[in-house]
Amino acid sequence: MSEATLDFESDPYVANHPQTRPFWAAAAHGQFLLPRCNSCERVHWYPRPFCPLCKSQSVDWVPASGHGVVYSFSVMRKAEQPYVLAYVQLAEGPAMMTNIVDAEFDSIHVGQPVKVAFRRAETGRSVPVFTPI
């Protein structure tokens, strides 16, 4: 799927946060990118048009390993469709809020190695989620 076939302009989230466009375009192809500051050379999450660590406005997107560990999690058992909400500490350093999928809820634990996967959201975007390794 090319970026041209992804209707980012009709997606209210991407339209309101254009700095995330490279992330969603890469995710549509199954690639996980992180923003990296060209000044301090550190990656960060959540995407911004500046580095939250040193305030530089020189930020590029770089391929990430897609690996991390569960930092914390909560099983939402009372939801209509139960799910796991988690913070994953990425191998590159930052933590991101996400979902753990394709796992038995009771087997998930802090420190568990995980890897990125992508699921299609209702909006059509490919959203990063994580699965146990």
N, C-alpha and C. Protein backbone atom coordinates (compact mmCIF):
# COMPACT_ATOMS: atom_id res chain seq x y z
N MET A 1 0.86 -1.17 0.00
CA MET A 1 0.00 0.00 0.00
C MET A 1 0.90 1.23 0.00
N SER A 2 0.71 2.12 -0.93
CA SER A 2 1.52 3.34 -0.99
C SER A 2 0.87 4.42 -0.14
N GLU A 3 1.68 5.42 0.22
CA GLU A 3 1.14 6.52 1.02
C GLU A 3 0.01 7.21 0.27
N ALA A 4 0.09 7.23 -1.06
CA ALA A 4 -0.94 7.89 -1.85
C ALA A 4 -2.29 7.21 -1.68
N THR A 5 -2.29 5.87 -1.43
CA THR A 5 -3.56 5.17 -1.27
C THR A 5 -4.08 5.26 0.16
N LEU A 6 -3.26 5.74 1.07
CA LEU A 6 -3.71 5.93 2.44
C LEU A 6 -4.30 7.32 2.54
N ASP A 7 -5.55 7.41 2.91
CA ASP A 7 -6.22 8.70 2.96
C ASP A 7 -5.97 9.36 4.31
N PHE A 8 -4.72 9.86 4.51
CA PHE A 8 -4.37 10.49 5.77
C PHE A 8 -5.20 11.73 6.04
N GLU A 9 -5.55 12.46 5.00
CA GLU A 9 -6.29 13.71 5.20
C GLU A 9 -7.67 13.47 5.77
N SER A 10 -8.25 12.30 5.55
CA SER A 10 -9.57 12.02 6.11
C SER A 10 -9.47 11.41 7.51
N ASP A 11 -8.27 11.09 7.94
CA ASP A 11 -8.07 10.58 9.29
C ASP A 11 -7.88 11.78 10.22
N PRO A 12 -8.83 12.04 11.11
CA PRO A 12 -8.75 13.25 11.93
C PRO A 12 -7.49 13.31 12.79
N TYR A 13 -7.01 12.17 13.25
CA TYR A 13 -5.81 12.19 14.09
C TYR A 13 -4.60 12.64 13.29
N VAL A 14 -4.37 12.03 12.15
CA VAL A 14 -3.21 12.38 11.33
C VAL A 14 -3.34 13.80 10.80
N ALA A 15 -4.55 14.20 10.43
CA ALA A 15 -4.76 15.56 9.94
C ALA A 15 -4.41 16.60 11.02
N ASN A 16 -4.70 16.28 12.28
CA ASN A 16 -4.42 17.21 13.38
C ASN A 16 -2.99 17.10 13.91
N HIS A 17 -2.28 16.04 13.52
CA HIS A 17 -0.90 15.82 13.97
C HIS A 17 -0.04 15.46 12.76
N PRO A 18 0.16 16.40 11.84
CA PRO A 18 0.87 16.08 10.60
C PRO A 18 2.30 15.61 10.81
N GLN A 19 2.91 15.94 11.95
CA GLN A 19 4.27 15.48 12.21
C GLN A 19 4.34 13.96 12.36
N THR A 20 3.19 13.29 12.51
CA THR A 20 3.18 11.84 12.65
C THR A 20 3.04 11.12 11.31
N ARG A 21 2.84 11.86 10.24
CA ARG A 21 2.61 11.26 8.92
C ARG A 21 3.68 10.23 8.53
N PRO A 22 4.99 10.51 8.68
CA PRO A 22 5.99 9.50 8.31
C PRO A 22 5.83 8.19 9.11
N PHE A 23 5.45 8.32 10.38
CA PHE A 23 5.25 7.13 11.20
C PHE A 23 4.13 6.26 10.64
N TRP A 24 2.98 6.88 10.33
CA TRP A 24 1.83 6.11 9.85
C TRP A 24 2.08 5.55 8.45
N ALA A 25 2.79 6.29 7.63
CA ALA A 25 3.12 5.79 6.28
C ALA A 25 4.01 4.56 6.39
N ALA A 26 5.00 4.60 7.26
CA ALA A 26 5.88 3.43 7.45
C ALA A 26 5.11 2.27 8.06
N ALA A 27 4.26 2.55 9.05
CA ALA A 27 3.48 1.49 9.69
C ALA A 27 2.59 0.77 8.69
N ALA A 28 2.09 1.48 7.70
CA ALA A 28 1.25 0.85 6.67
C ALA A 28 2.03 -0.21 5.91
N HIS A 29 3.36 -0.11 5.93
CA HIS A 29 4.23 -1.08 5.26
C HIS A 29 4.88 -2.03 6.26
N GLY A 30 4.41 -2.01 7.51
CA GLY A 30 4.94 -2.90 8.53
C GLY A 30 6.29 -2.49 9.08
N GLN A 31 6.65 -1.22 8.91
CA GLN A 31 7.93 -0.73 9.41
C GLN A 31 7.69 0.16 10.63
N PHE A 32 8.50 -0.05 11.66
CA PHE A 32 8.38 0.70 12.91
C PHE A 32 9.47 1.75 12.96
N LEU A 33 9.07 3.02 12.97
CA LEU A 33 10.01 4.14 13.01
C LEU A 33 9.91 4.86 14.35
N LEU A 34 11.01 5.49 14.73
CA LEU A 34 11.02 6.36 15.91
C LEU A 34 11.63 7.69 15.53
N PRO A 35 11.19 8.78 16.17
CA PRO A 35 11.81 10.08 15.92
C PRO A 35 13.17 10.14 16.63
N ARG A 36 14.18 10.65 15.91
CA ARG A 36 15.53 10.78 16.47
C ARG A 36 16.01 12.20 16.26
N CYS A 37 16.55 12.76 17.32
CA CYS A 37 17.07 14.13 17.27
C CYS A 37 18.43 14.13 16.59
N ASN A 38 18.62 15.05 15.66
CA ASN A 38 19.91 15.17 14.98
C ASN A 38 20.94 15.90 15.83
N SER A 39 20.50 16.59 16.88
CA SER A 39 21.44 17.31 17.75
C SER A 39 21.98 16.42 18.86
N CYS A 40 21.08 15.84 19.66
CA CYS A 40 21.54 15.00 20.79
C CYS A 40 21.59 13.52 20.42
N GLU A 41 21.07 13.17 19.24
CA GLU A 41 21.11 11.81 18.69
C GLU A 41 20.33 10.79 19.52
N ARG A 42 19.37 11.25 20.31
CA ARG A 42 18.54 10.33 21.10
C ARG A 42 17.17 10.19 20.44
N VAL A 43 16.60 9.01 20.59
CA VAL A 43 15.23 8.80 20.09
C VAL A 43 14.27 9.14 21.22
N HIS A 44 13.05 9.46 20.84
CA HIS A 44 12.03 9.78 21.82
C HIS A 44 10.67 9.30 21.32
N TRP A 45 9.76 9.25 22.22
CA TRP A 45 8.37 8.97 21.91
C TRP A 45 7.58 9.81 22.88
N TYR A 46 6.73 10.52 22.51
CA TYR A 46 5.79 10.64 21.44
C TYR A 46 6.32 11.61 20.38
N PRO A 47 5.97 11.39 19.10
CA PRO A 47 6.48 12.27 18.03
C PRO A 47 6.07 13.72 18.23
N ARG A 48 7.04 14.58 18.04
CA ARG A 48 6.85 16.04 18.13
C ARG A 48 7.71 16.68 17.05
N PRO A 49 7.43 17.91 16.71
CA PRO A 49 8.25 18.59 15.70
C PRO A 49 9.56 19.12 16.29
N PHE A 50 9.84 18.78 17.56
CA PHE A 50 11.08 19.18 18.22
C PHE A 50 11.48 18.06 19.16
N CYS A 51 12.72 18.06 19.60
CA CYS A 51 13.21 17.06 20.55
C CYS A 51 12.81 17.47 21.97
N PRO A 52 12.07 16.62 22.68
CA PRO A 52 11.69 16.98 24.05
C PRO A 52 12.86 16.87 25.02
N LEU A 53 13.98 16.30 24.57
CA LEU A 53 15.13 16.10 25.44
C LEU A 53 16.10 17.28 25.40
N CYS A 54 16.28 17.89 24.21
CA CYS A 54 17.22 19.02 24.11
C CYS A 54 16.61 20.24 23.43
N LYS A 55 15.36 20.11 22.98
CA LYS A 55 14.59 21.20 22.36
C LYS A 55 15.01 21.54 20.93
N SER A 56 15.89 20.75 20.33
CA SER A 56 16.27 20.97 18.94
C SER A 56 15.06 20.77 18.04
N GLN A 57 15.01 21.51 16.94
CA GLN A 57 13.93 21.33 15.97
C GLN A 57 14.37 20.49 14.79
N SER A 58 15.53 19.86 14.90
CA SER A 58 16.05 19.00 13.85
C SER A 58 15.81 17.53 14.24
N VAL A 59 14.69 16.99 13.77
CA VAL A 59 14.28 15.63 14.12
C VAL A 59 14.00 14.86 12.84
N ASP A 60 14.52 13.65 12.76
CA ASP A 60 14.26 12.75 11.64
C ASP A 60 13.66 11.46 12.16
N TRP A 61 13.15 10.66 11.23
CA TRP A 61 12.60 9.35 11.57
C TRP A 61 13.62 8.29 11.20
N VAL A 62 13.83 7.32 12.11
CA VAL A 62 14.79 6.25 11.86
C VAL A 62 14.13 4.90 12.13
N PRO A 63 14.55 3.86 11.39
CA PRO A 63 14.01 2.52 11.67
C PRO A 63 14.37 2.07 13.08
N ALA A 64 13.44 1.44 13.74
CA ALA A 64 13.64 0.93 15.10
C ALA A 64 13.61 -0.60 15.06
N SER A 65 14.16 -1.21 16.10
CA SER A 65 14.24 -2.67 16.16
C SER A 65 12.87 -3.32 16.31
N GLY A 66 11.94 -2.61 16.96
CA GLY A 66 10.63 -3.21 17.22
C GLY A 66 10.62 -4.12 18.43
N HIS A 67 11.72 -4.13 19.19
CA HIS A 67 11.80 -4.97 20.38
C HIS A 67 11.74 -4.11 21.64
N GLY A 68 11.26 -4.72 22.71
CA GLY A 68 11.19 -4.05 23.98
C GLY A 68 10.82 -5.02 25.07
N VAL A 69 10.52 -4.47 26.25
CA VAL A 69 10.06 -5.28 27.38
C VAL A 69 8.86 -4.60 28.00
N VAL A 70 7.99 -5.40 28.59
CA VAL A 70 6.82 -4.86 29.28
C VAL A 70 7.31 -4.13 30.52
N TYR A 71 7.00 -2.84 30.60
CA TYR A 71 7.37 -2.02 31.75
C TYR A 71 6.27 -2.07 32.81
N SER A 72 5.02 -1.96 32.37
CA SER A 72 3.85 -2.11 33.24
C SER A 72 2.67 -2.45 32.36
N PHE A 73 1.63 -3.00 32.96
CA PHE A 73 0.46 -3.37 32.17
C PHE A 73 -0.76 -3.50 33.07
N SER A 74 -1.92 -3.47 32.43
CA SER A 74 -3.18 -3.67 33.11
C SER A 74 -4.10 -4.44 32.18
N VAL A 75 -4.75 -5.46 32.70
CA VAL A 75 -5.70 -6.23 31.91
C VAL A 75 -7.08 -5.64 32.13
N MET A 76 -7.69 -5.21 31.05
CA MET A 76 -9.02 -4.61 31.10
C MET A 76 -10.06 -5.71 30.89
N ARG A 77 -10.32 -6.47 31.95
CA ARG A 77 -11.20 -7.65 31.85
C ARG A 77 -12.67 -7.30 31.74
N LYS A 78 -13.08 -6.13 32.23
CA LYS A 78 -14.50 -5.78 32.21
C LYS A 78 -14.93 -5.08 30.94
N ALA A 79 -14.01 -4.87 30.03
CA ALA A 79 -14.36 -4.25 28.75
C ALA A 79 -15.21 -5.24 27.94
N GLU A 80 -15.97 -4.70 27.02
CA GLU A 80 -16.80 -5.56 26.17
C GLU A 80 -15.94 -6.64 25.52
N GLN A 81 -14.79 -6.25 25.03
CA GLN A 81 -13.80 -7.20 24.53
C GLN A 81 -12.53 -6.97 25.36
N PRO A 82 -12.22 -7.84 26.33
CA PRO A 82 -11.06 -7.62 27.19
C PRO A 82 -9.77 -7.42 26.39
N TYR A 83 -8.87 -6.60 26.95
CA TYR A 83 -7.60 -6.31 26.28
C TYR A 83 -6.55 -5.95 27.32
N VAL A 84 -5.31 -5.87 26.87
CA VAL A 84 -4.19 -5.51 27.75
C VAL A 84 -3.63 -4.16 27.31
N LEU A 85 -3.61 -3.22 28.22
CA LEU A 85 -3.00 -1.91 28.01
C LEU A 85 -1.65 -1.96 28.71
N ALA A 86 -0.60 -1.53 28.02
CA ALA A 86 0.74 -1.65 28.60
C ALA A 86 1.64 -0.50 28.20
N TYR A 87 2.66 -0.29 29.01
CA TYR A 87 3.80 0.53 28.62
C TYR A 87 4.90 -0.45 28.26
N VAL A 88 5.47 -0.27 27.08
CA VAL A 88 6.60 -1.09 26.65
C VAL A 88 7.82 -0.19 26.60
N GLN A 89 8.88 -0.63 27.28
CA GLN A 89 10.17 0.07 27.23
C GLN A 89 10.87 -0.44 25.98
N LEU A 90 11.01 0.44 25.00
CA LEU A 90 11.61 0.06 23.73
C LEU A 90 13.12 -0.15 23.88
N ALA A 91 13.68 -1.02 23.06
CA ALA A 91 15.12 -1.28 23.09
C ALA A 91 15.91 0.00 22.86
N GLU A 92 15.34 0.94 22.13
CA GLU A 92 16.01 2.21 21.83
C GLU A 92 15.93 3.21 22.98
N GLY A 93 15.17 2.90 24.03
CA GLY A 93 15.12 3.77 25.20
C GLY A 93 13.76 4.26 25.65
N PRO A 94 12.97 4.89 24.76
CA PRO A 94 11.71 5.44 25.26
C PRO A 94 10.67 4.35 25.57
N ALA A 95 9.68 4.75 26.36
CA ALA A 95 8.55 3.87 26.65
C ALA A 95 7.36 4.37 25.86
N MET A 96 6.53 3.45 25.42
CA MET A 96 5.31 3.86 24.71
C MET A 96 4.12 3.06 25.22
N MET A 97 2.97 3.74 25.25
CA MET A 97 1.73 3.08 25.63
C MET A 97 1.23 2.32 24.41
N THR A 98 0.76 1.10 24.64
CA THR A 98 0.36 0.24 23.55
C THR A 98 -0.55 -0.86 24.08
N ASN A 99 -0.83 -1.84 23.26
CA ASN A 99 -1.56 -3.03 23.68
C ASN A 99 -0.68 -4.25 23.48
N ILE A 100 -0.85 -5.23 24.36
CA ILE A 100 -0.21 -6.54 24.20
C ILE A 100 -1.28 -7.44 23.60
N VAL A 101 -0.96 -8.10 22.50
CA VAL A 101 -1.92 -8.96 21.80
C VAL A 101 -1.35 -10.36 21.63
N ASP A 102 -2.23 -11.28 21.26
CA ASP A 102 -1.84 -12.67 20.99
C ASP A 102 -1.11 -13.30 22.18
N ALA A 103 -1.65 -13.05 23.38
CA ALA A 103 -1.05 -13.60 24.60
C ALA A 103 -2.15 -13.95 25.59
N GLU A 104 -1.91 -14.98 26.37
CA GLU A 104 -2.81 -15.29 27.48
C GLU A 104 -2.61 -14.19 28.54
N PHE A 105 -3.68 -13.59 28.98
CA PHE A 105 -3.58 -12.49 29.92
C PHE A 105 -2.75 -12.84 31.15
N ASP A 106 -2.95 -14.04 31.68
CA ASP A 106 -2.26 -14.42 32.91
C ASP A 106 -0.79 -14.74 32.70
N SER A 107 -0.34 -14.81 31.46
CA SER A 107 1.08 -15.11 31.21
C SER A 107 1.91 -13.84 31.05
N ILE A 108 1.26 -12.70 30.91
CA ILE A 108 1.99 -11.45 30.71
C ILE A 108 2.61 -11.02 32.04
N HIS A 109 3.86 -10.54 31.98
CA HIS A 109 4.53 -10.09 33.20
C HIS A 109 5.51 -8.95 32.90
N VAL A 110 5.78 -8.16 33.92
CA VAL A 110 6.75 -7.07 33.81
C VAL A 110 8.10 -7.68 33.46
N GLY A 111 8.80 -7.04 32.53
CA GLY A 111 10.10 -7.53 32.08
C GLY A 111 10.02 -8.51 30.92
N GLN A 112 8.82 -8.86 30.50
CA GLN A 112 8.64 -9.83 29.41
C GLN A 112 9.09 -9.23 28.08
N PRO A 113 9.94 -9.94 27.34
CA PRO A 113 10.35 -9.45 26.02
C PRO A 113 9.17 -9.49 25.05
N VAL A 114 9.05 -8.42 24.26
CA VAL A 114 7.97 -8.32 23.27
C VAL A 114 8.54 -7.75 21.97
N LYS A 115 7.76 -7.93 20.90
CA LYS A 115 8.15 -7.36 19.61
C LYS A 115 6.92 -6.72 18.97
N VAL A 116 7.17 -5.78 18.11
CA VAL A 116 6.08 -5.02 17.50
C VAL A 116 5.35 -5.87 16.46
N ALA A 117 4.06 -5.60 16.35
CA ALA A 117 3.20 -6.14 15.30
C ALA A 117 2.28 -4.98 14.94
N PHE A 118 1.56 -5.09 13.86
CA PHE A 118 0.66 -4.00 13.47
C PHE A 118 -0.74 -4.55 13.28
N ARG A 119 -1.72 -3.77 13.74
CA ARG A 119 -3.13 -4.10 13.59
C ARG A 119 -3.81 -2.92 12.92
N ARG A 120 -4.75 -3.21 12.05
CA ARG A 120 -5.49 -2.18 11.34
C ARG A 120 -6.56 -1.60 12.25
N ALA A 121 -6.55 -0.30 12.43
CA ALA A 121 -7.56 0.40 13.23
C ALA A 121 -8.77 0.69 12.35
N GLU A 122 -9.87 1.07 12.97
CA GLU A 122 -11.09 1.41 12.22
C GLU A 122 -10.85 2.52 11.21
N THR A 123 -9.92 3.42 11.52
CA THR A 123 -9.62 4.54 10.64
C THR A 123 -8.81 4.11 9.42
N GLY A 124 -8.27 2.88 9.45
CA GLY A 124 -7.45 2.40 8.35
C GLY A 124 -5.97 2.45 8.64
N ARG A 125 -5.57 3.19 9.69
CA ARG A 125 -4.16 3.25 10.07
C ARG A 125 -3.71 1.90 10.61
N SER A 126 -2.44 1.56 10.38
CA SER A 126 -1.82 0.38 10.99
C SER A 126 -1.22 0.83 12.31
N VAL A 127 -1.73 0.28 13.39
CA VAL A 127 -1.35 0.71 14.74
C VAL A 127 -0.36 -0.30 15.32
N PRO A 128 0.75 0.20 15.92
CA PRO A 128 1.69 -0.74 16.53
C PRO A 128 1.14 -1.32 17.84
N VAL A 129 1.22 -2.62 17.96
CA VAL A 129 0.89 -3.35 19.17
C VAL A 129 2.09 -4.28 19.41
N PHE A 130 2.11 -4.95 20.52
CA PHE A 130 3.25 -5.82 20.82
C PHE A 130 2.78 -7.21 21.18
N THR A 131 3.60 -8.19 20.81
CA THR A 131 3.33 -9.60 21.11
C THR A 131 4.52 -10.17 21.88
N PRO A 132 4.27 -11.12 22.77
CA PRO A 132 5.40 -11.76 23.47
C PRO A 132 6.32 -12.46 22.48
N ILE A 133 7.61 -12.45 22.82
CA ILE A 133 8.60 -13.16 22.00
C ILE A 133 8.68 -14.58 22.50
